[in-house]
Amino acid sequence: MSPMIPDLENYFRGFIPPRDALLLELEEEAARESIPLVGPVVGELLYILARTAGARNVLELGTATGYSAIYLARALPPGGKMITLELDEAMARRARANFVKAGLENRVEVRVGQALDLMAAMSETFDLIFLDIDKESYLPALPHCRRLLKVGGLLVADNVGFAGADPFNREIFGQGGWRVVHLLSWLPQHSPEKDGLSLALRVE
């Protein structure tokens, strides 16, 4: 059997496509201001998932400065639409400015408020939902995600390796109507801690 490549994390990071100046700027801001963002590995994964799913309508819970939303919005076809929910008004303003810089202001709508309250009032149907808010809110958000996600749609949940996400992990794994896989991932900014990403397909 062929031996493993040493230092796999850095090895695979060598294959991340180059980011543009805006994404690099947001990464630098995040490091400087301790703003959580998904990083280029998960960003590329989100782009690939959205493209593969043929997503035209995407919902994101947790905008921050708009880093992950830029990856998702860029994956949408002409006429595609994304809604992203952010609790903090100041952060939402920063995200809107970044969407303008990215030329995505007509594709991404930012709604400000508590995610669970905003979702409860929504009636749209989405092809993909990205869940990246406080982990204790993942479980109460799950019924809203199921209602708003079309059958055949994809629910992506970040940071499911944190203890606050454990009730969500157990519920979605044991609940009918989903096909779920949990992926182990590294947290580069918190090494050597590990984290997880959950992919759930709504099948009924």
N, C-alpha and C. Protein backbone atom coordinates (compact mmCIF):
# COMPACT_ATOMS: atom_id res chain seq x y z
N MET A 1 0.85 -1.20 0.00
CA MET A 1 0.00 0.00 0.00
C MET A 1 0.88 1.25 0.00
N SER A 2 0.49 2.23 -0.78
CA SER A 2 1.25 3.49 -0.85
C SER A 2 1.19 4.22 0.49
N PRO A 3 2.29 4.82 0.94
CA PRO A 3 2.28 5.54 2.21
C PRO A 3 1.47 6.83 2.11
N MET A 4 1.02 7.32 3.26
CA MET A 4 0.30 8.59 3.29
C MET A 4 1.24 9.75 3.02
N ILE A 5 0.70 10.77 2.39
CA ILE A 5 1.45 12.01 2.18
C ILE A 5 1.59 12.71 3.53
N PRO A 6 2.78 13.15 3.90
CA PRO A 6 2.94 13.83 5.19
C PRO A 6 2.28 15.21 5.19
N ASP A 7 1.88 15.65 6.38
CA ASP A 7 1.30 16.98 6.58
C ASP A 7 0.15 17.23 5.59
N LEU A 8 -0.87 16.38 5.69
CA LEU A 8 -1.96 16.43 4.72
C LEU A 8 -2.69 17.76 4.69
N GLU A 9 -2.85 18.39 5.86
CA GLU A 9 -3.59 19.65 5.89
C GLU A 9 -2.94 20.68 4.97
N ASN A 10 -1.65 20.90 5.14
CA ASN A 10 -0.96 21.88 4.30
C ASN A 10 -0.86 21.40 2.86
N TYR A 11 -0.74 20.09 2.67
CA TYR A 11 -0.68 19.55 1.31
C TYR A 11 -1.94 19.90 0.52
N PHE A 12 -3.10 19.63 1.12
CA PHE A 12 -4.34 19.90 0.41
C PHE A 12 -4.62 21.40 0.30
N ARG A 13 -4.13 22.18 1.23
CA ARG A 13 -4.30 23.63 1.12
C ARG A 13 -3.57 24.18 -0.10
N GLY A 14 -2.59 23.46 -0.57
CA GLY A 14 -1.91 23.89 -1.79
C GLY A 14 -2.76 23.79 -3.03
N PHE A 15 -3.91 23.13 -2.91
CA PHE A 15 -4.80 22.96 -4.06
C PHE A 15 -6.03 23.86 -3.99
N ILE A 16 -6.08 24.76 -3.02
CA ILE A 16 -7.20 25.71 -2.95
C ILE A 16 -7.05 26.73 -4.07
N PRO A 17 -8.08 26.94 -4.89
CA PRO A 17 -7.98 27.95 -5.94
C PRO A 17 -7.68 29.32 -5.34
N PRO A 18 -6.94 30.15 -6.05
CA PRO A 18 -6.62 31.49 -5.53
C PRO A 18 -7.89 32.29 -5.26
N ARG A 19 -7.86 33.08 -4.18
CA ARG A 19 -8.98 33.97 -3.88
C ARG A 19 -8.71 35.34 -4.46
N ASP A 20 -9.79 36.07 -4.75
CA ASP A 20 -9.62 37.42 -5.26
C ASP A 20 -9.29 38.37 -4.12
N ALA A 21 -9.03 39.62 -4.47
CA ALA A 21 -8.58 40.60 -3.48
C ALA A 21 -9.62 40.81 -2.38
N LEU A 22 -10.90 40.78 -2.73
CA LEU A 22 -11.94 41.01 -1.73
C LEU A 22 -11.97 39.90 -0.69
N LEU A 23 -11.93 38.65 -1.12
CA LEU A 23 -11.95 37.54 -0.17
C LEU A 23 -10.71 37.56 0.72
N LEU A 24 -9.56 37.87 0.14
CA LEU A 24 -8.34 37.97 0.93
C LEU A 24 -8.44 39.10 1.96
N GLU A 25 -9.05 40.20 1.55
CA GLU A 25 -9.26 41.32 2.48
C GLU A 25 -10.15 40.91 3.64
N LEU A 26 -11.21 40.15 3.35
CA LEU A 26 -12.12 39.70 4.40
C LEU A 26 -11.43 38.71 5.33
N GLU A 27 -10.56 37.87 4.79
CA GLU A 27 -9.81 36.95 5.63
C GLU A 27 -8.87 37.70 6.57
N GLU A 28 -8.23 38.74 6.05
CA GLU A 28 -7.33 39.55 6.88
C GLU A 28 -8.11 40.29 7.97
N GLU A 29 -9.26 40.85 7.61
CA GLU A 29 -10.12 41.51 8.60
C GLU A 29 -10.54 40.54 9.69
N ALA A 30 -10.91 39.34 9.29
CA ALA A 30 -11.38 38.35 10.25
C ALA A 30 -10.28 38.00 11.24
N ALA A 31 -9.06 37.83 10.74
CA ALA A 31 -7.94 37.50 11.62
C ALA A 31 -7.64 38.66 12.56
N ARG A 32 -7.74 39.87 12.04
CA ARG A 32 -7.40 41.06 12.83
C ARG A 32 -8.46 41.35 13.89
N GLU A 33 -9.73 41.13 13.55
CA GLU A 33 -10.83 41.51 14.43
C GLU A 33 -11.50 40.31 15.11
N SER A 34 -10.94 39.13 14.92
CA SER A 34 -11.52 37.90 15.50
C SER A 34 -12.96 37.69 15.06
N ILE A 35 -13.20 37.90 13.76
CA ILE A 35 -14.52 37.65 13.18
C ILE A 35 -14.53 36.22 12.64
N PRO A 36 -15.48 35.40 13.07
CA PRO A 36 -15.50 34.02 12.56
C PRO A 36 -15.92 33.98 11.09
N LEU A 37 -15.18 33.22 10.30
CA LEU A 37 -15.60 32.96 8.93
C LEU A 37 -15.21 31.54 8.56
N VAL A 38 -15.79 31.03 7.49
CA VAL A 38 -15.61 29.62 7.15
C VAL A 38 -14.24 29.32 6.58
N GLY A 39 -13.58 30.31 6.00
CA GLY A 39 -12.27 30.08 5.39
C GLY A 39 -12.40 29.55 3.98
N PRO A 40 -11.29 29.51 3.25
CA PRO A 40 -11.34 29.17 1.83
C PRO A 40 -11.69 27.72 1.53
N VAL A 41 -11.37 26.79 2.44
CA VAL A 41 -11.69 25.38 2.17
C VAL A 41 -13.19 25.17 2.19
N VAL A 42 -13.85 25.59 3.26
CA VAL A 42 -15.31 25.44 3.34
C VAL A 42 -15.98 26.37 2.33
N GLY A 43 -15.40 27.53 2.07
CA GLY A 43 -15.94 28.42 1.05
C GLY A 43 -16.02 27.74 -0.30
N GLU A 44 -14.93 27.09 -0.70
CA GLU A 44 -14.94 26.36 -1.97
C GLU A 44 -15.93 25.21 -1.95
N LEU A 45 -16.03 24.53 -0.80
CA LEU A 45 -16.99 23.44 -0.68
C LEU A 45 -18.41 23.96 -0.86
N LEU A 46 -18.73 25.09 -0.24
CA LEU A 46 -20.06 25.67 -0.40
C LEU A 46 -20.35 26.01 -1.86
N TYR A 47 -19.36 26.57 -2.53
CA TYR A 47 -19.53 26.91 -3.95
C TYR A 47 -19.83 25.65 -4.76
N ILE A 48 -19.04 24.60 -4.53
CA ILE A 48 -19.21 23.35 -5.27
C ILE A 48 -20.56 22.72 -4.97
N LEU A 49 -20.96 22.72 -3.70
CA LEU A 49 -22.25 22.14 -3.33
C LEU A 49 -23.41 22.88 -3.99
N ALA A 50 -23.35 24.20 -3.97
CA ALA A 50 -24.42 25.00 -4.58
C ALA A 50 -24.49 24.77 -6.08
N ARG A 51 -23.33 24.71 -6.73
CA ARG A 51 -23.32 24.46 -8.18
C ARG A 51 -23.81 23.06 -8.49
N THR A 52 -23.34 22.08 -7.73
CA THR A 52 -23.73 20.69 -7.98
C THR A 52 -25.23 20.50 -7.77
N ALA A 53 -25.77 21.17 -6.76
CA ALA A 53 -27.20 21.06 -6.47
C ALA A 53 -28.06 21.85 -7.46
N GLY A 54 -27.42 22.67 -8.29
CA GLY A 54 -28.19 23.53 -9.19
C GLY A 54 -29.04 24.53 -8.44
N ALA A 55 -28.55 24.97 -7.29
CA ALA A 55 -29.33 25.86 -6.43
C ALA A 55 -29.61 27.20 -7.11
N ARG A 56 -30.86 27.62 -7.05
CA ARG A 56 -31.26 28.93 -7.55
C ARG A 56 -31.68 29.86 -6.40
N ASN A 57 -32.10 29.26 -5.30
CA ASN A 57 -32.52 30.03 -4.13
C ASN A 57 -31.82 29.48 -2.90
N VAL A 58 -31.07 30.36 -2.24
CA VAL A 58 -30.23 29.95 -1.11
C VAL A 58 -30.56 30.81 0.10
N LEU A 59 -30.59 30.19 1.27
CA LEU A 59 -30.77 30.89 2.54
C LEU A 59 -29.54 30.65 3.40
N GLU A 60 -29.02 31.72 3.98
CA GLU A 60 -27.90 31.61 4.91
C GLU A 60 -28.31 32.18 6.25
N LEU A 61 -27.98 31.48 7.32
CA LEU A 61 -28.22 31.96 8.68
C LEU A 61 -26.87 32.33 9.29
N GLY A 62 -26.63 33.63 9.43
CA GLY A 62 -25.36 34.11 9.96
C GLY A 62 -24.49 34.68 8.86
N THR A 63 -24.55 36.00 8.67
CA THR A 63 -23.87 36.65 7.55
C THR A 63 -22.45 37.04 7.88
N ALA A 64 -22.24 37.61 9.07
CA ALA A 64 -20.96 38.25 9.43
C ALA A 64 -20.61 39.27 8.36
N THR A 65 -19.41 39.24 7.82
CA THR A 65 -19.02 40.24 6.82
C THR A 65 -19.36 39.82 5.40
N GLY A 66 -20.01 38.66 5.24
CA GLY A 66 -20.46 38.25 3.92
C GLY A 66 -19.55 37.29 3.19
N TYR A 67 -18.53 36.78 3.86
CA TYR A 67 -17.53 35.92 3.21
C TYR A 67 -18.17 34.67 2.60
N SER A 68 -18.87 33.90 3.39
CA SER A 68 -19.47 32.67 2.86
C SER A 68 -20.58 32.98 1.86
N ALA A 69 -21.30 34.07 2.08
CA ALA A 69 -22.37 34.45 1.15
C ALA A 69 -21.81 34.77 -0.23
N ILE A 70 -20.62 35.32 -0.28
CA ILE A 70 -20.01 35.63 -1.58
C ILE A 70 -19.75 34.33 -2.35
N TYR A 71 -19.21 33.33 -1.67
CA TYR A 71 -19.00 32.04 -2.33
C TYR A 71 -20.32 31.46 -2.83
N LEU A 72 -21.34 31.48 -1.99
CA LEU A 72 -22.62 30.89 -2.37
C LEU A 72 -23.29 31.68 -3.50
N ALA A 73 -23.29 33.00 -3.39
CA ALA A 73 -23.95 33.82 -4.41
C ALA A 73 -23.26 33.71 -5.76
N ARG A 74 -21.95 33.56 -5.75
CA ARG A 74 -21.22 33.40 -7.01
C ARG A 74 -21.53 32.08 -7.69
N ALA A 75 -22.05 31.13 -6.94
CA ALA A 75 -22.39 29.82 -7.51
C ALA A 75 -23.76 29.81 -8.16
N LEU A 76 -24.56 30.84 -7.91
CA LEU A 76 -25.93 30.86 -8.42
C LEU A 76 -25.97 31.16 -9.91
N PRO A 77 -26.95 30.61 -10.62
CA PRO A 77 -27.10 30.92 -12.04
C PRO A 77 -27.74 32.29 -12.22
N PRO A 78 -27.78 32.81 -13.44
CA PRO A 78 -28.48 34.07 -13.68
C PRO A 78 -29.93 33.97 -13.18
N GLY A 79 -30.36 34.99 -12.46
CA GLY A 79 -31.69 34.97 -11.89
C GLY A 79 -31.76 34.33 -10.52
N GLY A 80 -30.64 33.75 -10.06
CA GLY A 80 -30.61 33.14 -8.74
C GLY A 80 -30.68 34.21 -7.65
N LYS A 81 -31.14 33.81 -6.47
CA LYS A 81 -31.34 34.76 -5.37
C LYS A 81 -30.89 34.13 -4.07
N MET A 82 -30.28 34.97 -3.23
CA MET A 82 -29.84 34.52 -1.92
C MET A 82 -30.34 35.48 -0.86
N ILE A 83 -30.82 34.92 0.25
CA ILE A 83 -31.20 35.70 1.43
C ILE A 83 -30.27 35.29 2.57
N THR A 84 -29.69 36.26 3.25
CA THR A 84 -28.82 35.96 4.38
C THR A 84 -29.30 36.73 5.60
N LEU A 85 -29.34 36.07 6.73
CA LEU A 85 -29.89 36.63 7.97
C LEU A 85 -28.77 36.96 8.94
N GLU A 86 -28.80 38.18 9.48
CA GLU A 86 -27.74 38.62 10.39
C GLU A 86 -28.37 39.35 11.58
N LEU A 87 -27.91 39.01 12.77
CA LEU A 87 -28.44 39.61 13.99
C LEU A 87 -27.94 41.03 14.20
N ASP A 88 -26.69 41.29 13.86
CA ASP A 88 -26.03 42.56 14.17
C ASP A 88 -26.15 43.55 13.01
N GLU A 89 -26.77 44.70 13.27
CA GLU A 89 -27.00 45.70 12.22
C GLU A 89 -25.69 46.22 11.64
N ALA A 90 -24.70 46.48 12.49
CA ALA A 90 -23.42 46.99 12.01
C ALA A 90 -22.74 45.98 11.11
N MET A 91 -22.80 44.71 11.47
CA MET A 91 -22.20 43.67 10.64
C MET A 91 -22.95 43.55 9.32
N ALA A 92 -24.27 43.69 9.37
CA ALA A 92 -25.07 43.63 8.15
C ALA A 92 -24.69 44.75 7.19
N ARG A 93 -24.42 45.94 7.72
CA ARG A 93 -24.00 47.06 6.86
C ARG A 93 -22.67 46.74 6.19
N ARG A 94 -21.76 46.16 6.94
CA ARG A 94 -20.47 45.79 6.36
C ARG A 94 -20.65 44.75 5.26
N ALA A 95 -21.52 43.79 5.52
CA ALA A 95 -21.76 42.75 4.52
C ALA A 95 -22.36 43.34 3.25
N ARG A 96 -23.33 44.24 3.40
CA ARG A 96 -23.93 44.86 2.21
C ARG A 96 -22.87 45.60 1.40
N ALA A 97 -21.98 46.31 2.07
CA ALA A 97 -20.91 47.02 1.37
C ALA A 97 -20.01 46.03 0.63
N ASN A 98 -19.75 44.89 1.23
CA ASN A 98 -18.92 43.88 0.57
C ASN A 98 -19.62 43.25 -0.62
N PHE A 99 -20.94 43.11 -0.54
CA PHE A 99 -21.68 42.58 -1.68
C PHE A 99 -21.64 43.56 -2.85
N VAL A 100 -21.67 44.85 -2.55
CA VAL A 100 -21.53 45.86 -3.60
C VAL A 100 -20.15 45.73 -4.25
N LYS A 101 -19.11 45.60 -3.43
CA LYS A 101 -17.75 45.44 -3.97
C LYS A 101 -17.65 44.20 -4.86
N ALA A 102 -18.39 43.15 -4.48
CA ALA A 102 -18.35 41.90 -5.24
C ALA A 102 -19.27 41.92 -6.45
N GLY A 103 -20.06 42.99 -6.61
CA GLY A 103 -21.02 43.06 -7.70
C GLY A 103 -22.21 42.14 -7.51
N LEU A 104 -22.52 41.83 -6.24
CA LEU A 104 -23.59 40.88 -5.93
C LEU A 104 -24.78 41.53 -5.23
N GLU A 105 -24.82 42.86 -5.21
CA GLU A 105 -25.86 43.54 -4.43
C GLU A 105 -27.27 43.24 -4.94
N ASN A 106 -27.42 42.88 -6.23
CA ASN A 106 -28.73 42.55 -6.76
C ASN A 106 -29.08 41.07 -6.61
N ARG A 107 -28.13 40.31 -6.12
CA ARG A 107 -28.33 38.87 -5.97
C ARG A 107 -28.51 38.46 -4.51
N VAL A 108 -27.99 39.27 -3.59
CA VAL A 108 -28.01 38.92 -2.16
C VAL A 108 -28.83 39.94 -1.38
N GLU A 109 -29.79 39.46 -0.62
CA GLU A 109 -30.59 40.31 0.27
C GLU A 109 -30.21 40.01 1.72
N VAL A 110 -29.88 41.04 2.47
CA VAL A 110 -29.55 40.89 3.89
C VAL A 110 -30.76 41.29 4.72
N ARG A 111 -31.19 40.40 5.59
CA ARG A 111 -32.28 40.71 6.52
C ARG A 111 -31.71 40.70 7.94
N VAL A 112 -32.07 41.70 8.71
CA VAL A 112 -31.49 41.88 10.05
C VAL A 112 -32.51 41.49 11.12
N GLY A 113 -32.06 40.68 12.06
CA GLY A 113 -32.91 40.28 13.17
C GLY A 113 -32.50 38.93 13.71
N GLN A 114 -33.25 38.45 14.68
CA GLN A 114 -32.99 37.13 15.25
C GLN A 114 -33.40 36.08 14.22
N ALA A 115 -32.50 35.17 13.90
CA ALA A 115 -32.71 34.24 12.79
C ALA A 115 -33.99 33.42 12.96
N LEU A 116 -34.25 32.94 14.16
CA LEU A 116 -35.44 32.11 14.37
C LEU A 116 -36.72 32.90 14.13
N ASP A 117 -36.74 34.16 14.54
CA ASP A 117 -37.92 35.01 14.32
C ASP A 117 -38.10 35.30 12.83
N LEU A 118 -37.00 35.61 12.15
CA LEU A 118 -37.08 35.90 10.72
C LEU A 118 -37.53 34.67 9.94
N MET A 119 -37.00 33.50 10.30
CA MET A 119 -37.39 32.28 9.60
C MET A 119 -38.86 31.95 9.81
N ALA A 120 -39.36 32.20 11.02
CA ALA A 120 -40.76 31.90 11.32
C ALA A 120 -41.71 32.68 10.43
N ALA A 121 -41.27 33.85 9.97
CA ALA A 121 -42.12 34.71 9.14
C ALA A 121 -41.91 34.46 7.65
N MET A 122 -41.02 33.56 7.28
CA MET A 122 -40.69 33.35 5.88
C MET A 122 -41.58 32.29 5.25
N SER A 123 -41.84 32.45 3.96
CA SER A 123 -42.64 31.46 3.22
C SER A 123 -41.94 31.00 1.95
N GLU A 124 -40.74 31.51 1.69
CA GLU A 124 -40.01 31.11 0.49
C GLU A 124 -39.57 29.64 0.58
N THR A 125 -39.24 29.08 -0.55
CA THR A 125 -38.69 27.73 -0.61
C THR A 125 -37.27 27.81 -1.14
N PHE A 126 -36.36 27.07 -0.52
CA PHE A 126 -34.94 27.16 -0.86
C PHE A 126 -34.39 25.81 -1.31
N ASP A 127 -33.39 25.90 -2.18
CA ASP A 127 -32.69 24.70 -2.66
C ASP A 127 -31.54 24.32 -1.73
N LEU A 128 -30.99 25.30 -1.04
CA LEU A 128 -29.87 25.07 -0.14
C LEU A 128 -29.97 26.05 1.02
N ILE A 129 -29.74 25.55 2.23
CA ILE A 129 -29.69 26.39 3.43
C ILE A 129 -28.35 26.17 4.11
N PHE A 130 -27.67 27.27 4.44
CA PHE A 130 -26.40 27.19 5.15
C PHE A 130 -26.61 27.72 6.56
N LEU A 131 -26.35 26.89 7.54
CA LEU A 131 -26.61 27.19 8.95
C LEU A 131 -25.29 27.50 9.64
N ASP A 132 -25.14 28.76 10.10
CA ASP A 132 -23.88 29.18 10.72
C ASP A 132 -24.14 30.28 11.75
N ILE A 133 -25.07 30.00 12.68
CA ILE A 133 -25.37 30.94 13.76
C ILE A 133 -24.88 30.33 15.08
N ASP A 134 -25.31 30.88 16.21
CA ASP A 134 -24.89 30.31 17.49
C ASP A 134 -25.40 28.87 17.58
N LYS A 135 -24.55 27.98 18.04
CA LYS A 135 -24.82 26.55 17.93
C LYS A 135 -26.04 26.11 18.74
N GLU A 136 -26.32 26.80 19.84
CA GLU A 136 -27.50 26.47 20.63
C GLU A 136 -28.80 26.72 19.87
N SER A 137 -28.74 27.51 18.81
CA SER A 137 -29.93 27.79 18.00
C SER A 137 -30.12 26.80 16.86
N TYR A 138 -29.16 25.90 16.67
CA TYR A 138 -29.28 24.94 15.56
C TYR A 138 -30.51 24.05 15.71
N LEU A 139 -30.71 23.50 16.90
CA LEU A 139 -31.86 22.60 17.08
C LEU A 139 -33.19 23.32 16.89
N PRO A 140 -33.43 24.48 17.53
CA PRO A 140 -34.71 25.16 17.28
C PRO A 140 -34.85 25.67 15.85
N ALA A 141 -33.75 25.82 15.13
CA ALA A 141 -33.83 26.25 13.73
C ALA A 141 -34.20 25.10 12.80
N LEU A 142 -34.01 23.87 13.26
CA LEU A 142 -34.20 22.71 12.38
C LEU A 142 -35.61 22.60 11.81
N PRO A 143 -36.69 22.77 12.60
CA PRO A 143 -38.03 22.71 12.00
C PRO A 143 -38.25 23.78 10.93
N HIS A 144 -37.71 24.96 11.14
CA HIS A 144 -37.83 26.01 10.13
C HIS A 144 -37.07 25.62 8.87
N CYS A 145 -35.88 25.06 9.04
CA CYS A 145 -35.09 24.63 7.88
C CYS A 145 -35.85 23.58 7.08
N ARG A 146 -36.45 22.64 7.79
CA ARG A 146 -37.19 21.59 7.09
C ARG A 146 -38.38 22.16 6.33
N ARG A 147 -39.07 23.12 6.94
CA ARG A 147 -40.24 23.72 6.28
C ARG A 147 -39.84 24.53 5.06
N LEU A 148 -38.72 25.22 5.13
CA LEU A 148 -38.32 26.13 4.05
C LEU A 148 -37.49 25.45 2.96
N LEU A 149 -36.95 24.28 3.25
CA LEU A 149 -36.10 23.58 2.29
C LEU A 149 -36.94 22.65 1.44
N LYS A 150 -36.76 22.70 0.14
CA LYS A 150 -37.52 21.82 -0.74
C LYS A 150 -37.07 20.37 -0.56
N VAL A 151 -37.94 19.43 -0.89
CA VAL A 151 -37.54 18.03 -0.93
C VAL A 151 -36.46 17.89 -2.00
N GLY A 152 -35.36 17.28 -1.63
CA GLY A 152 -34.20 17.22 -2.52
C GLY A 152 -33.21 18.33 -2.28
N GLY A 153 -33.55 19.24 -1.35
CA GLY A 153 -32.66 20.35 -1.01
C GLY A 153 -31.61 19.93 0.00
N LEU A 154 -30.60 20.77 0.14
CA LEU A 154 -29.45 20.46 0.98
C LEU A 154 -29.33 21.44 2.14
N LEU A 155 -29.20 20.90 3.35
CA LEU A 155 -28.94 21.69 4.55
C LEU A 155 -27.49 21.48 4.95
N VAL A 156 -26.72 22.56 4.97
CA VAL A 156 -25.30 22.50 5.36
C VAL A 156 -25.17 23.23 6.69
N ALA A 157 -24.64 22.56 7.69
CA ALA A 157 -24.47 23.16 9.02
C ALA A 157 -22.99 23.19 9.37
N ASP A 158 -22.48 24.36 9.68
CA ASP A 158 -21.07 24.52 10.03
C ASP A 158 -20.88 24.38 11.54
N ASN A 159 -19.66 24.09 11.94
CA ASN A 159 -19.27 24.07 13.37
C ASN A 159 -20.06 23.07 14.20
N VAL A 160 -20.41 21.93 13.61
CA VAL A 160 -21.19 20.95 14.37
C VAL A 160 -20.32 20.12 15.31
N GLY A 161 -19.03 20.43 15.37
CA GLY A 161 -18.17 19.79 16.35
C GLY A 161 -18.22 20.44 17.71
N PHE A 162 -18.90 21.57 17.84
CA PHE A 162 -19.03 22.25 19.12
C PHE A 162 -20.16 21.62 19.94
N ALA A 163 -19.99 21.63 21.26
CA ALA A 163 -20.95 20.96 22.14
C ALA A 163 -22.36 21.51 21.99
N GLY A 164 -22.48 22.81 21.71
CA GLY A 164 -23.80 23.40 21.56
C GLY A 164 -24.59 22.83 20.40
N ALA A 165 -23.90 22.22 19.43
CA ALA A 165 -24.58 21.64 18.27
C ALA A 165 -24.96 20.18 18.48
N ASP A 166 -24.57 19.59 19.61
CA ASP A 166 -24.82 18.16 19.83
C ASP A 166 -26.31 17.81 19.76
N PRO A 167 -27.22 18.58 20.38
CA PRO A 167 -28.65 18.22 20.25
C PRO A 167 -29.12 18.23 18.80
N PHE A 168 -28.63 19.19 18.01
CA PHE A 168 -28.96 19.24 16.58
C PHE A 168 -28.44 18.00 15.87
N ASN A 169 -27.18 17.65 16.12
CA ASN A 169 -26.58 16.49 15.46
C ASN A 169 -27.39 15.22 15.73
N ARG A 170 -27.77 15.04 16.99
CA ARG A 170 -28.51 13.83 17.36
C ARG A 170 -29.92 13.83 16.77
N GLU A 171 -30.55 15.00 16.75
CA GLU A 171 -31.92 15.08 16.25
C GLU A 171 -31.98 14.83 14.75
N ILE A 172 -31.12 15.47 13.98
CA ILE A 172 -31.19 15.33 12.53
C ILE A 172 -30.74 13.94 12.10
N PHE A 173 -29.83 13.33 12.88
CA PHE A 173 -29.37 11.98 12.56
C PHE A 173 -30.48 10.97 12.83
N GLY A 174 -31.26 11.20 13.89
CA GLY A 174 -32.30 10.24 14.25
C GLY A 174 -33.66 10.53 13.66
N GLN A 175 -33.82 11.71 13.08
CA GLN A 175 -35.11 12.13 12.54
C GLN A 175 -35.30 11.58 11.13
N GLY A 176 -36.49 11.10 10.83
CA GLY A 176 -36.77 10.65 9.48
C GLY A 176 -36.81 11.81 8.50
N GLY A 177 -36.63 11.49 7.24
CA GLY A 177 -36.74 12.51 6.20
C GLY A 177 -35.44 13.15 5.79
N TRP A 178 -34.33 12.74 6.42
CA TRP A 178 -33.02 13.29 6.08
C TRP A 178 -32.03 12.16 5.77
N ARG A 179 -31.13 12.41 4.84
CA ARG A 179 -29.92 11.60 4.67
C ARG A 179 -28.76 12.48 5.09
N VAL A 180 -28.01 12.06 6.10
CA VAL A 180 -27.05 12.95 6.76
C VAL A 180 -25.66 12.34 6.78
N VAL A 181 -24.66 13.18 6.58
CA VAL A 181 -23.27 12.79 6.79
C VAL A 181 -22.58 13.92 7.54
N HIS A 182 -21.74 13.55 8.51
CA HIS A 182 -20.95 14.52 9.26
C HIS A 182 -19.49 14.38 8.84
N LEU A 183 -18.88 15.50 8.50
CA LEU A 183 -17.49 15.50 8.06
C LEU A 183 -16.62 16.14 9.12
N LEU A 184 -15.52 15.50 9.42
CA LEU A 184 -14.55 16.06 10.36
C LEU A 184 -13.67 17.05 9.61
N SER A 185 -13.45 18.21 10.19
CA SER A 185 -12.61 19.22 9.54
C SER A 185 -11.73 19.90 10.58
N TRP A 186 -10.66 20.52 10.11
CA TRP A 186 -9.74 21.22 10.99
C TRP A 186 -10.15 22.67 11.14
N LEU A 187 -9.85 23.23 12.28
CA LEU A 187 -10.04 24.66 12.53
C LEU A 187 -8.66 25.31 12.46
N PRO A 188 -8.24 25.82 11.31
CA PRO A 188 -6.88 26.33 11.18
C PRO A 188 -6.53 27.42 12.18
N GLN A 189 -7.51 28.26 12.53
CA GLN A 189 -7.22 29.37 13.43
C GLN A 189 -7.24 28.94 14.90
N HIS A 190 -7.64 27.67 15.16
CA HIS A 190 -7.71 27.19 16.53
C HIS A 190 -6.96 25.87 16.68
N SER A 191 -6.06 25.58 15.74
CA SER A 191 -5.33 24.31 15.76
C SER A 191 -4.71 24.10 17.14
N PRO A 192 -4.71 22.86 17.67
CA PRO A 192 -5.08 21.61 16.98
C PRO A 192 -6.51 21.15 17.22
N GLU A 193 -7.41 22.05 17.58
CA GLU A 193 -8.81 21.64 17.74
C GLU A 193 -9.39 21.21 16.40
N LYS A 194 -10.39 20.36 16.47
CA LYS A 194 -11.08 19.92 15.27
C LYS A 194 -12.52 20.39 15.31
N ASP A 195 -13.16 20.36 14.16
CA ASP A 195 -14.56 20.79 14.07
C ASP A 195 -15.25 19.85 13.10
N GLY A 196 -16.51 20.11 12.83
CA GLY A 196 -17.25 19.27 11.92
C GLY A 196 -18.21 20.07 11.06
N LEU A 197 -18.57 19.47 9.94
CA LEU A 197 -19.52 20.04 9.00
C LEU A 197 -20.56 18.98 8.72
N SER A 198 -21.82 19.35 8.75
CA SER A 198 -22.91 18.41 8.51
C SER A 198 -23.57 18.71 7.17
N LEU A 199 -23.78 17.68 6.38
CA LEU A 199 -24.51 17.79 5.12
C LEU A 199 -25.75 16.91 5.24
N ALA A 200 -26.92 17.51 5.05
CA ALA A 200 -28.17 16.77 5.19
C ALA A 200 -29.05 17.01 3.97
N LEU A 201 -29.44 15.94 3.31
CA LEU A 201 -30.33 16.00 2.16
C LEU A 201 -31.75 15.74 2.63
N ARG A 202 -32.66 16.66 2.33
CA ARG A 202 -34.06 16.43 2.69
C ARG A 202 -34.66 15.48 1.66
N VAL A 203 -35.06 14.30 2.12
CA VAL A 203 -35.57 13.28 1.21
C VAL A 203 -37.08 13.13 1.28
N GLU A 204 -37.71 13.73 2.29
CA GLU A 204 -39.18 13.68 2.35
C GLU A 204 -39.70 14.82 3.20
